[in-house]
Amino acid sequence: MVPFHYGDGFNKSLLVALLSGATLVMMRQFNPKACAELVQREKVDILFGSPFIYGSLADRISDPLAAFQSENGCFSGGGRIPSRVSGELAKIGSV
């Protein structure tokens, strides 16, 4: 969920997945609802995102627990996650 043109997105999302043999699920363009559906359908277990992306998900997903039930951890870079957003993320897994 982090753009690859940012160092954080490239290093954490792309390189770590490729070097560890993990499956990488990508989106051409971020859309909160489509992201939640993709996470649910592909059973994504680790999310990498920015505070903006997590805020967008928290604001637009009506049932985050159902949408992200396969998720085991959320990792963020690029700034502090607002407490409101981290509270929502804590409901669905590790922040």
PDB file of N, CA and C in Angstrom:
ATOM      1  N   MET A   1       0.813  -1.190   0.000  1.00  0.00           N
ATOM      2  CA  MET A   1       0.000   0.000   0.000  1.00  0.00           C
ATOM      3  C   MET A   1       0.855   1.251   0.000  1.00  0.00           C
ATOM      4  N   VAL A   2       2.140   1.101  -0.071  1.00  0.00           N
ATOM      5  CA  VAL A   2       3.043   2.238  -0.110  1.00  0.00           C
ATOM      6  C   VAL A   2       3.584   2.362  -1.535  1.00  0.00           C
ATOM      7  N   PRO A   3       3.562   3.551  -2.102  1.00  0.00           N
ATOM      8  CA  PRO A   3       4.104   3.712  -3.460  1.00  0.00           C
ATOM      9  C   PRO A   3       5.561   3.274  -3.526  1.00  0.00           C
ATOM     10  N   PHE A   4       5.920   2.569  -4.584  1.00  0.00           N
ATOM     11  CA  PHE A   4       7.279   2.069  -4.730  1.00  0.00           C
ATOM     12  C   PHE A   4       8.287   3.177  -5.018  1.00  0.00           C
ATOM     13  N   HIS A   5       7.833   4.340  -5.468  1.00  0.00           N
ATOM     14  CA  HIS A   5       8.802   5.403  -5.729  1.00  0.00           C
ATOM     15  C   HIS A   5       9.308   6.048  -4.439  1.00  0.00           C
ATOM     16  N   TYR A   6       8.700   5.735  -3.312  1.00  0.00           N
ATOM     17  CA  TYR A   6       9.230   6.139  -2.012  1.00  0.00           C
ATOM     18  C   TYR A   6      10.199   5.058  -1.548  1.00  0.00           C
ATOM     19  N   GLY A   7      11.303   5.448  -0.944  1.00  0.00           N
ATOM     20  CA  GLY A   7      12.272   4.475  -0.463  1.00  0.00           C
ATOM     21  C   GLY A   7      11.664   3.469   0.491  1.00  0.00           C
ATOM     22  N   ASP A   8      10.781   3.950   1.373  1.00  0.00           N
ATOM     23  CA  ASP A   8      10.144   3.083   2.355  1.00  0.00           C
ATOM     24  C   ASP A   8       9.292   2.018   1.664  1.00  0.00           C
ATOM     25  N   GLY A   9       8.534   2.417   0.678  1.00  0.00           N
ATOM     26  CA  GLY A   9       7.689   1.471  -0.039  1.00  0.00           C
ATOM     27  C   GLY A   9       8.492   0.460  -0.823  1.00  0.00           C
ATOM     28  N   PHE A  10       9.540   0.934  -1.456  1.00  0.00           N
ATOM     29  CA  PHE A  10      10.395   0.045  -2.244  1.00  0.00           C
ATOM     30  C   PHE A  10      11.106  -0.959  -1.342  1.00  0.00           C
ATOM     31  N   ASN A  11      11.723  -0.463  -0.268  1.00  0.00           N
ATOM     32  CA  ASN A  11      12.493  -1.342   0.614  1.00  0.00           C
ATOM     33  C   ASN A  11      11.621  -2.321   1.383  1.00  0.00           C
ATOM     34  N   LYS A  12      10.592  -1.820   2.050  1.00  0.00           N
ATOM     35  CA  LYS A  12       9.770  -2.682   2.894  1.00  0.00           C
ATOM     36  C   LYS A  12       8.815  -3.551   2.096  1.00  0.00           C
ATOM     37  N   SER A  13       8.141  -2.970   1.152  1.00  0.00           N
ATOM     38  CA  SER A  13       7.102  -3.711   0.451  1.00  0.00           C
ATOM     39  C   SER A  13       7.656  -4.610  -0.640  1.00  0.00           C
ATOM     40  N   LEU A  14       8.510  -4.088  -1.467  1.00  0.00           N
ATOM     41  CA  LEU A  14       8.970  -4.846  -2.622  1.00  0.00           C
ATOM     42  C   LEU A  14      10.180  -5.720  -2.301  1.00  0.00           C
ATOM     43  N   LEU A  15      11.258  -5.124  -1.820  1.00  0.00           N
ATOM     44  CA  LEU A  15      12.479  -5.888  -1.600  1.00  0.00           C
ATOM     45  C   LEU A  15      12.332  -6.962  -0.534  1.00  0.00           C
ATOM     46  N   VAL A  16      11.728  -6.623   0.585  1.00  0.00           N
ATOM     47  CA  VAL A  16      11.579  -7.612   1.662  1.00  0.00           C
ATOM     48  C   VAL A  16      10.743  -8.794   1.195  1.00  0.00           C
ATOM     49  N   ALA A  17       9.660  -8.529   0.492  1.00  0.00           N
ATOM     50  CA  ALA A  17       8.820  -9.616  -0.004  1.00  0.00           C
ATOM     51  C   ALA A  17       9.584 -10.499  -0.989  1.00  0.00           C
ATOM     52  N   LEU A  18      10.275  -9.888  -1.916  1.00  0.00           N
ATOM     53  CA  LEU A  18      11.013 -10.664  -2.915  1.00  0.00           C
ATOM     54  C   LEU A  18      12.155 -11.466  -2.295  1.00  0.00           C
ATOM     55  N   LEU A  19      12.910 -10.843  -1.393  1.00  0.00           N
ATOM     56  CA  LEU A  19      14.059 -11.527  -0.789  1.00  0.00           C
ATOM     57  C   LEU A  19      13.653 -12.627   0.182  1.00  0.00           C
ATOM     58  N   SER A  20      12.474 -12.518   0.768  1.00  0.00           N
ATOM     59  CA  SER A  20      12.029 -13.535   1.729  1.00  0.00           C
ATOM     60  C   SER A  20      11.175 -14.626   1.091  1.00  0.00           C
ATOM     61  N   GLY A  21      10.845 -14.470  -0.186  1.00  0.00           N
ATOM     62  CA  GLY A  21      10.020 -15.467  -0.858  1.00  0.00           C
ATOM     63  C   GLY A  21       8.536 -15.312  -0.592  1.00  0.00           C
ATOM     64  N   ALA A  22       8.144 -14.185  -0.039  1.00  0.00           N
ATOM     65  CA  ALA A  22       6.734 -13.938   0.242  1.00  0.00           C
ATOM     66  C   ALA A  22       5.985 -13.585  -1.037  1.00  0.00           C
ATOM     67  N   THR A  23       4.691 -13.695  -0.974  1.00  0.00           N
ATOM     68  CA  THR A  23       3.843 -13.261  -2.078  1.00  0.00           C
ATOM     69  C   THR A  23       3.526 -11.788  -1.874  1.00  0.00           C
ATOM     70  N   LEU A  24       3.685 -11.002  -2.903  1.00  0.00           N
ATOM     71  CA  LEU A  24       3.426  -9.570  -2.838  1.00  0.00           C
ATOM     72  C   LEU A  24       2.137  -9.273  -3.582  1.00  0.00           C
ATOM     73  N   VAL A  25       1.189  -8.644  -2.912  1.00  0.00           N
ATOM     74  CA  VAL A  25      -0.087  -8.258  -3.521  1.00  0.00           C
ATOM     75  C   VAL A  25      -0.039  -6.753  -3.754  1.00  0.00           C
ATOM     76  N   MET A  26      -0.205  -6.341  -5.012  1.00  0.00           N
ATOM     77  CA  MET A  26      -0.078  -4.923  -5.353  1.00  0.00           C
ATOM     78  C   MET A  26      -1.372  -4.386  -5.956  1.00  0.00           C
ATOM     79  N   MET A  27      -1.515  -3.075  -5.875  1.00  0.00           N
ATOM     80  CA  MET A  27      -2.628  -2.361  -6.508  1.00  0.00           C
ATOM     81  C   MET A  27      -2.033  -1.320  -7.450  1.00  0.00           C
ATOM     82  N   ARG A  28      -2.662  -1.125  -8.582  1.00  0.00           N
ATOM     83  CA  ARG A  28      -2.193  -0.098  -9.518  1.00  0.00           C
ATOM     84  C   ARG A  28      -2.400   1.290  -8.916  1.00  0.00           C
ATOM     85  N   GLN A  29      -3.550   1.487  -8.275  1.00  0.00           N
ATOM     86  CA  GLN A  29      -3.873   2.775  -7.656  1.00  0.00           C
ATOM     87  C   GLN A  29      -4.613   2.494  -6.361  1.00  0.00           C
ATOM     88  N   PHE A  30      -4.262   3.221  -5.299  1.00  0.00           N
ATOM     89  CA  PHE A  30      -4.883   2.985  -3.991  1.00  0.00           C
ATOM     90  C   PHE A  30      -6.323   3.468  -3.966  1.00  0.00           C
ATOM     91  N   ASN A  31      -7.185   2.588  -3.490  1.00  0.00           N
ATOM     92  CA  ASN A  31      -8.586   2.887  -3.243  1.00  0.00           C
ATOM     93  C   ASN A  31      -8.936   2.119  -1.967  1.00  0.00           C
ATOM     94  N   PRO A  32      -9.373   2.806  -0.901  1.00  0.00           N
ATOM     95  CA  PRO A  32      -9.590   2.124   0.381  1.00  0.00           C
ATOM     96  C   PRO A  32     -10.517   0.915   0.303  1.00  0.00           C
ATOM     97  N   LYS A  33     -11.642   1.060  -0.371  1.00  0.00           N
ATOM     98  CA  LYS A  33     -12.597  -0.053  -0.447  1.00  0.00           C
ATOM     99  C   LYS A  33     -12.014  -1.215  -1.239  1.00  0.00           C
ATOM    100  N   ALA A  34     -11.394  -0.910  -2.377  1.00  0.00           N
ATOM    101  CA  ALA A  34     -10.782  -1.962  -3.194  1.00  0.00           C
ATOM    102  C   ALA A  34      -9.626  -2.624  -2.446  1.00  0.00           C
ATOM    103  N   CYS A  35      -8.891  -1.843  -1.660  1.00  0.00           N
ATOM    104  CA  CYS A  35      -7.795  -2.381  -0.866  1.00  0.00           C
ATOM    105  C   CYS A  35      -8.324  -3.383   0.159  1.00  0.00           C
ATOM    106  N   ALA A  36      -9.378  -3.017   0.868  1.00  0.00           N
ATOM    107  CA  ALA A  36      -9.967  -3.922   1.867  1.00  0.00           C
ATOM    108  C   ALA A  36     -10.462  -5.211   1.207  1.00  0.00           C
ATOM    109  N   GLU A  37     -11.076  -5.086   0.044  1.00  0.00           N
ATOM    110  CA  GLU A  37     -11.555  -6.273  -0.671  1.00  0.00           C
ATOM    111  C   GLU A  37     -10.387  -7.154  -1.111  1.00  0.00           C
ATOM    112  N   LEU A  38      -9.305  -6.540  -1.576  1.00  0.00           N
ATOM    113  CA  LEU A  38      -8.128  -7.278  -2.010  1.00  0.00           C
ATOM    114  C   LEU A  38      -7.471  -8.002  -0.832  1.00  0.00           C
ATOM    115  N   VAL A  39      -7.341  -7.334   0.291  1.00  0.00           N
ATOM    116  CA  VAL A  39      -6.757  -7.930   1.492  1.00  0.00           C
ATOM    117  C   VAL A  39      -7.572  -9.140   1.914  1.00  0.00           C
ATOM    118  N   GLN A  40      -8.884  -9.000   1.886  1.00  0.00           N
ATOM    119  CA  GLN A  40      -9.772 -10.090   2.290  1.00  0.00           C
ATOM    120  C   GLN A  40      -9.695 -11.254   1.294  1.00  0.00           C
ATOM    121  N   ARG A  41      -9.760 -10.958   0.011  1.00  0.00           N
ATOM    122  CA  ARG A  41      -9.762 -12.004  -1.019  1.00  0.00           C
ATOM    123  C   ARG A  41      -8.435 -12.761  -1.060  1.00  0.00           C
ATOM    124  N   GLU A  42      -7.313 -12.035  -0.946  1.00  0.00           N
ATOM    125  CA  GLU A  42      -5.988 -12.648  -1.054  1.00  0.00           C
ATOM    126  C   GLU A  42      -5.428 -13.118   0.290  1.00  0.00           C
ATOM    127  N   LYS A  43      -6.174 -12.875   1.371  1.00  0.00           N
ATOM    128  CA  LYS A  43      -5.763 -13.247   2.723  1.00  0.00           C
ATOM    129  C   LYS A  43      -4.375 -12.683   3.081  1.00  0.00           C
ATOM    130  N   VAL A  44      -4.224 -11.398   2.833  1.00  0.00           N
ATOM    131  CA  VAL A  44      -2.977 -10.700   3.138  1.00  0.00           C
ATOM    132  C   VAL A  44      -2.763 -10.722   4.643  1.00  0.00           C
ATOM    133  N   ASP A  45      -1.543 -11.038   5.071  1.00  0.00           N
ATOM    134  CA  ASP A  45      -1.326 -11.115   6.513  1.00  0.00           C
ATOM    135  C   ASP A  45      -0.461  -9.998   7.091  1.00  0.00           C
ATOM    136  N   ILE A  46       0.267  -9.260   6.256  1.00  0.00           N
ATOM    137  CA  ILE A  46       1.057  -8.125   6.735  1.00  0.00           C
ATOM    138  C   ILE A  46       0.816  -6.935   5.818  1.00  0.00           C
ATOM    139  N   LEU A  47       0.517  -5.789   6.424  1.00  0.00           N
ATOM    140  CA  LEU A  47       0.269  -4.568   5.656  1.00  0.00           C
ATOM    141  C   LEU A  47       1.376  -3.557   5.907  1.00  0.00           C
ATOM    142  N   PHE A  48       1.850  -2.952   4.827  1.00  0.00           N
ATOM    143  CA  PHE A  48       2.783  -1.835   4.909  1.00  0.00           C
ATOM    144  C   PHE A  48       2.057  -0.618   4.355  1.00  0.00           C
ATOM    145  N   GLY A  49       2.047   0.471   5.097  1.00  0.00           N
ATOM    146  CA  GLY A  49       1.351   1.659   4.619  1.00  0.00           C
ATOM    147  C   GLY A  49       1.855   2.913   5.288  1.00  0.00           C
ATOM    148  N   SER A  50       1.329   4.019   4.840  1.00  0.00           N
ATOM    149  CA  SER A  50       1.665   5.313   5.437  1.00  0.00           C
ATOM    150  C   SER A  50       0.512   5.734   6.346  1.00  0.00           C
ATOM    151  N   PRO A  51       0.740   6.715   7.209  1.00  0.00           N
ATOM    152  CA  PRO A  51      -0.353   7.208   8.038  1.00  0.00           C
ATOM    153  C   PRO A  51      -1.556   7.652   7.203  1.00  0.00           C
ATOM    154  N   PHE A  52      -1.309   8.264   6.058  1.00  0.00           N
ATOM    155  CA  PHE A  52      -2.410   8.691   5.191  1.00  0.00           C
ATOM    156  C   PHE A  52      -3.239   7.490   4.729  1.00  0.00           C
ATOM    157  N   ILE A  53      -2.568   6.444   4.300  1.00  0.00           N
ATOM    158  CA  ILE A  53      -3.281   5.262   3.804  1.00  0.00           C
ATOM    159  C   ILE A  53      -4.072   4.604   4.926  1.00  0.00           C
ATOM    160  N   TYR A  54      -3.470   4.438   6.086  1.00  0.00           N
ATOM    161  CA  TYR A  54      -4.203   3.837   7.208  1.00  0.00           C
ATOM    162  C   TYR A  54      -5.368   4.721   7.644  1.00  0.00           C
ATOM    163  N   GLY A  55      -5.178   6.040   7.600  1.00  0.00           N
ATOM    164  CA  GLY A  55      -6.277   6.957   7.919  1.00  0.00           C
ATOM    165  C   GLY A  55      -7.419   6.821   6.925  1.00  0.00           C
ATOM    166  N   SER A  56      -7.084   6.690   5.652  1.00  0.00           N
ATOM    167  CA  SER A  56      -8.112   6.508   4.618  1.00  0.00           C
ATOM    168  C   SER A  56      -8.891   5.216   4.842  1.00  0.00           C
ATOM    169  N   LEU A  57      -8.180   4.159   5.202  1.00  0.00           N
ATOM    170  CA  LEU A  57      -8.854   2.887   5.477  1.00  0.00           C
ATOM    171  C   LEU A  57      -9.759   3.004   6.705  1.00  0.00           C
ATOM    172  N   ALA A  58      -9.245   3.621   7.770  1.00  0.00           N
ATOM    173  CA  ALA A  58     -10.024   3.758   9.005  1.00  0.00           C
ATOM    174  C   ALA A  58     -11.279   4.596   8.781  1.00  0.00           C
ATOM    175  N   ASP A  59     -11.188   5.599   7.915  1.00  0.00           N
ATOM    176  CA  ASP A  59     -12.322   6.484   7.662  1.00  0.00           C
ATOM    177  C   ASP A  59     -13.369   5.889   6.732  1.00  0.00           C
ATOM    178  N   ARG A  60     -12.968   4.957   5.875  1.00  0.00           N
ATOM    179  CA  ARG A  60     -13.876   4.511   4.807  1.00  0.00           C
ATOM    180  C   ARG A  60     -14.316   3.061   4.880  1.00  0.00           C
ATOM    181  N   ILE A  61     -13.769   2.287   5.784  1.00  0.00           N
ATOM    182  CA  ILE A  61     -14.148   0.883   5.890  1.00  0.00           C
ATOM    183  C   ILE A  61     -15.102   0.740   7.070  1.00  0.00           C
ATOM    184  N   SER A  62     -16.311   0.262   6.786  1.00  0.00           N
ATOM    185  CA  SER A  62     -17.332   0.206   7.835  1.00  0.00           C
ATOM    186  C   SER A  62     -17.062  -0.894   8.864  1.00  0.00           C
ATOM    187  N   ASP A  63     -16.485  -2.010   8.441  1.00  0.00           N
ATOM    188  CA  ASP A  63     -16.205  -3.108   9.366  1.00  0.00           C
ATOM    189  C   ASP A  63     -14.765  -3.577   9.178  1.00  0.00           C
ATOM    190  N   PRO A  64     -13.791  -2.840   9.745  1.00  0.00           N
ATOM    191  CA  PRO A  64     -12.393  -3.199   9.525  1.00  0.00           C
ATOM    192  C   PRO A  64     -12.028  -4.581  10.047  1.00  0.00           C
ATOM    193  N   LEU A  65     -12.666  -5.026  11.112  1.00  0.00           N
ATOM    194  CA  LEU A  65     -12.353  -6.339  11.662  1.00  0.00           C
ATOM    195  C   LEU A  65     -12.651  -7.441  10.653  1.00  0.00           C
ATOM    196  N   ALA A  66     -13.780  -7.344   9.976  1.00  0.00           N
ATOM    197  CA  ALA A  66     -14.132  -8.339   8.949  1.00  0.00           C
ATOM    198  C   ALA A  66     -13.245  -8.198   7.722  1.00  0.00           C
ATOM    199  N   ALA A  67     -12.964  -6.964   7.333  1.00  0.00           N
ATOM    200  CA  ALA A  67     -12.179  -6.729   6.121  1.00  0.00           C
ATOM    201  C   ALA A  67     -10.736  -7.190   6.266  1.00  0.00           C
ATOM    202  N   PHE A  68     -10.191  -7.100   7.472  1.00  0.00           N
ATOM    203  CA  PHE A  68      -8.785  -7.404   7.672  1.00  0.00           C
ATOM    204  C   PHE A  68      -8.566  -8.562   8.640  1.00  0.00           C
ATOM    205  N   GLN A  69      -9.448  -9.545   8.613  1.00  0.00           N
ATOM    206  CA  GLN A  69      -9.347 -10.652   9.561  1.00  0.00           C
ATOM    207  C   GLN A  69      -8.107 -11.525   9.355  1.00  0.00           C
ATOM    208  N   SER A  70      -7.540 -11.543   8.150  1.00  0.00           N
ATOM    209  CA  SER A  70      -6.352 -12.361   7.896  1.00  0.00           C
ATOM    210  C   SER A  70      -5.061 -11.660   8.299  1.00  0.00           C
ATOM    211  N   GLU A  71      -5.134 -10.396   8.594  1.00  0.00           N
ATOM    212  CA  GLU A  71      -3.962  -9.543   8.838  1.00  0.00           C
ATOM    213  C   GLU A  71      -3.339  -9.845  10.200  1.00  0.00           C
ATOM    214  N   ASN A  72      -2.002  -9.924  10.229  1.00  0.00           N
ATOM    215  CA  ASN A  72      -1.267 -10.183  11.471  1.00  0.00           C
ATOM    216  C   ASN A  72      -0.455  -8.995  11.960  1.00  0.00           C
ATOM    217  N   GLY A  73      -0.249  -8.011  11.118  1.00  0.00           N
ATOM    218  CA  GLY A  73       0.549  -6.863  11.526  1.00  0.00           C
ATOM    219  C   GLY A  73       0.423  -5.714  10.553  1.00  0.00           C
ATOM    220  N   CYS A  74       0.544  -4.512  11.085  1.00  0.00           N
ATOM    221  CA  CYS A  74       0.526  -3.291  10.279  1.00  0.00           C
ATOM    222  C   CYS A  74       1.834  -2.555  10.534  1.00  0.00           C
ATOM    223  N   PHE A  75       2.516  -2.202   9.466  1.00  0.00           N
ATOM    224  CA  PHE A  75       3.758  -1.451   9.566  1.00  0.00           C
ATOM    225  C   PHE A  75       3.575  -0.128   8.845  1.00  0.00           C
ATOM    226  N   SER A  76       4.135   0.925   9.435  1.00  0.00           N
ATOM    227  CA  SER A  76       3.958   2.244   8.860  1.00  0.00           C
ATOM    228  C   SER A  76       5.291   2.965   8.769  1.00  0.00           C
ATOM    229  N   GLY A  77       5.371   3.865   7.824  1.00  0.00           N
ATOM    230  CA  GLY A  77       6.537   4.723   7.684  1.00  0.00           C
ATOM    231  C   GLY A  77       6.091   6.070   7.147  1.00  0.00           C
ATOM    232  N   GLY A  78       6.915   7.054   7.339  1.00  0.00           N
ATOM    233  CA  GLY A  78       6.609   8.363   6.782  1.00  0.00           C
ATOM    234  C   GLY A  78       6.019   9.348   7.756  1.00  0.00           C
ATOM    235  N   GLY A  79       5.799   8.955   8.986  1.00  0.00           N
ATOM    236  CA  GLY A  79       5.241   9.878   9.971  1.00  0.00           C
ATOM    237  C   GLY A  79       4.507   9.137  11.068  1.00  0.00           C
ATOM    238  N   ARG A  80       4.054   9.895  12.052  1.00  0.00           N
ATOM    239  CA  ARG A  80       3.286   9.313  13.163  1.00  0.00           C
ATOM    240  C   ARG A  80       1.873   8.995  12.714  1.00  0.00           C
ATOM    241  N   ILE A  81       1.375   7.899  13.215  1.00  0.00           N
ATOM    242  CA  ILE A  81      -0.020   7.542  12.963  1.00  0.00           C
ATOM    243  C   ILE A  81      -0.855   8.229  14.041  1.00  0.00           C
ATOM    244  N   PRO A  82      -1.880   8.995  13.652  1.00  0.00           N
ATOM    245  CA  PRO A  82      -2.734   9.639  14.655  1.00  0.00           C
ATOM    246  C   PRO A  82      -3.343   8.596  15.605  1.00  0.00           C
ATOM    247  N   SER A  83      -3.516   8.956  16.864  1.00  0.00           N
ATOM    248  CA  SER A  83      -4.019   8.006  17.871  1.00  0.00           C
ATOM    249  C   SER A  83      -5.382   7.439  17.485  1.00  0.00           C
ATOM    250  N   ARG A  84      -6.208   8.230  16.836  1.00  0.00           N
ATOM    251  CA  ARG A  84      -7.520   7.745  16.380  1.00  0.00           C
ATOM    252  C   ARG A  84      -7.345   6.572  15.421  1.00  0.00           C
ATOM    253  N   VAL A  85      -6.390   6.700  14.508  1.00  0.00           N
ATOM    254  CA  VAL A  85      -6.150   5.663  13.501  1.00  0.00           C
ATOM    255  C   VAL A  85      -5.484   4.449  14.144  1.00  0.00           C
ATOM    256  N   SER A  86      -4.494   4.663  15.015  1.00  0.00           N
ATOM    257  CA  SER A  86      -3.837   3.514  15.658  1.00  0.00           C
ATOM    258  C   SER A  86      -4.809   2.749  16.533  1.00  0.00           C
ATOM    259  N   GLY A  87      -5.797   3.441  17.119  1.00  0.00           N
ATOM    260  CA  GLY A  87      -6.840   2.769  17.883  1.00  0.00           C
ATOM    261  C   GLY A  87      -7.674   1.837  17.022  1.00  0.00           C
ATOM    262  N   GLU A  88      -7.993   2.286  15.807  1.00  0.00           N
ATOM    263  CA  GLU A  88      -8.738   1.446  14.868  1.00  0.00           C
ATOM    264  C   GLU A  88      -7.890   0.260  14.417  1.00  0.00           C
ATOM    265  N   LEU A  89      -6.599   0.503  14.148  1.00  0.00           N
ATOM    266  CA  LEU A  89      -5.700  -0.572  13.725  1.00  0.00           C
ATOM    267  C   LEU A  89      -5.523  -1.599  14.836  1.00  0.00           C
ATOM    268  N   ALA A  90      -5.486  -1.150  16.083  1.00  0.00           N
ATOM    269  CA  ALA A  90      -5.308  -2.068  17.205  1.00  0.00           C
ATOM    270  C   ALA A  90      -6.468  -3.058  17.304  1.00  0.00           C
ATOM    271  N   LYS A  91      -7.632  -2.679  16.815  1.00  0.00           N
ATOM    272  CA  LYS A  91      -8.788  -3.585  16.833  1.00  0.00           C
ATOM    273  C   LYS A  91      -8.608  -4.775  15.897  1.00  0.00           C
ATOM    274  N   ILE A  92      -7.814  -4.583  14.849  1.00  0.00           N
ATOM    275  CA  ILE A  92      -7.690  -5.637  13.840  1.00  0.00           C
ATOM    276  C   ILE A  92      -6.381  -6.400  13.922  1.00  0.00           C
ATOM    277  N   GLY A  93      -5.459  -5.959  14.745  1.00  0.00           N
ATOM    278  CA  GLY A  93      -4.194  -6.687  14.839  1.00  0.00           C
ATOM    279  C   GLY A  93      -3.100  -5.850  15.441  1.00  0.00           C
ATOM    280  N   SER A  94      -1.890  -6.240  15.159  1.00  0.00           N
ATOM    281  CA  SER A  94      -0.713  -5.580  15.713  1.00  0.00           C
ATOM    282  C   SER A  94      -0.402  -4.304  14.951  1.00  0.00           C
ATOM    283  N   VAL A  95      -0.064  -3.265  15.673  1.00  0.00           N
ATOM    284  CA  VAL A  95       0.318  -2.000  15.054  1.00  0.00           C
ATOM    285  C   VAL A  95       1.794  -1.788  15.294  1.00  0.00           C
TER     286      VAL A  95
END
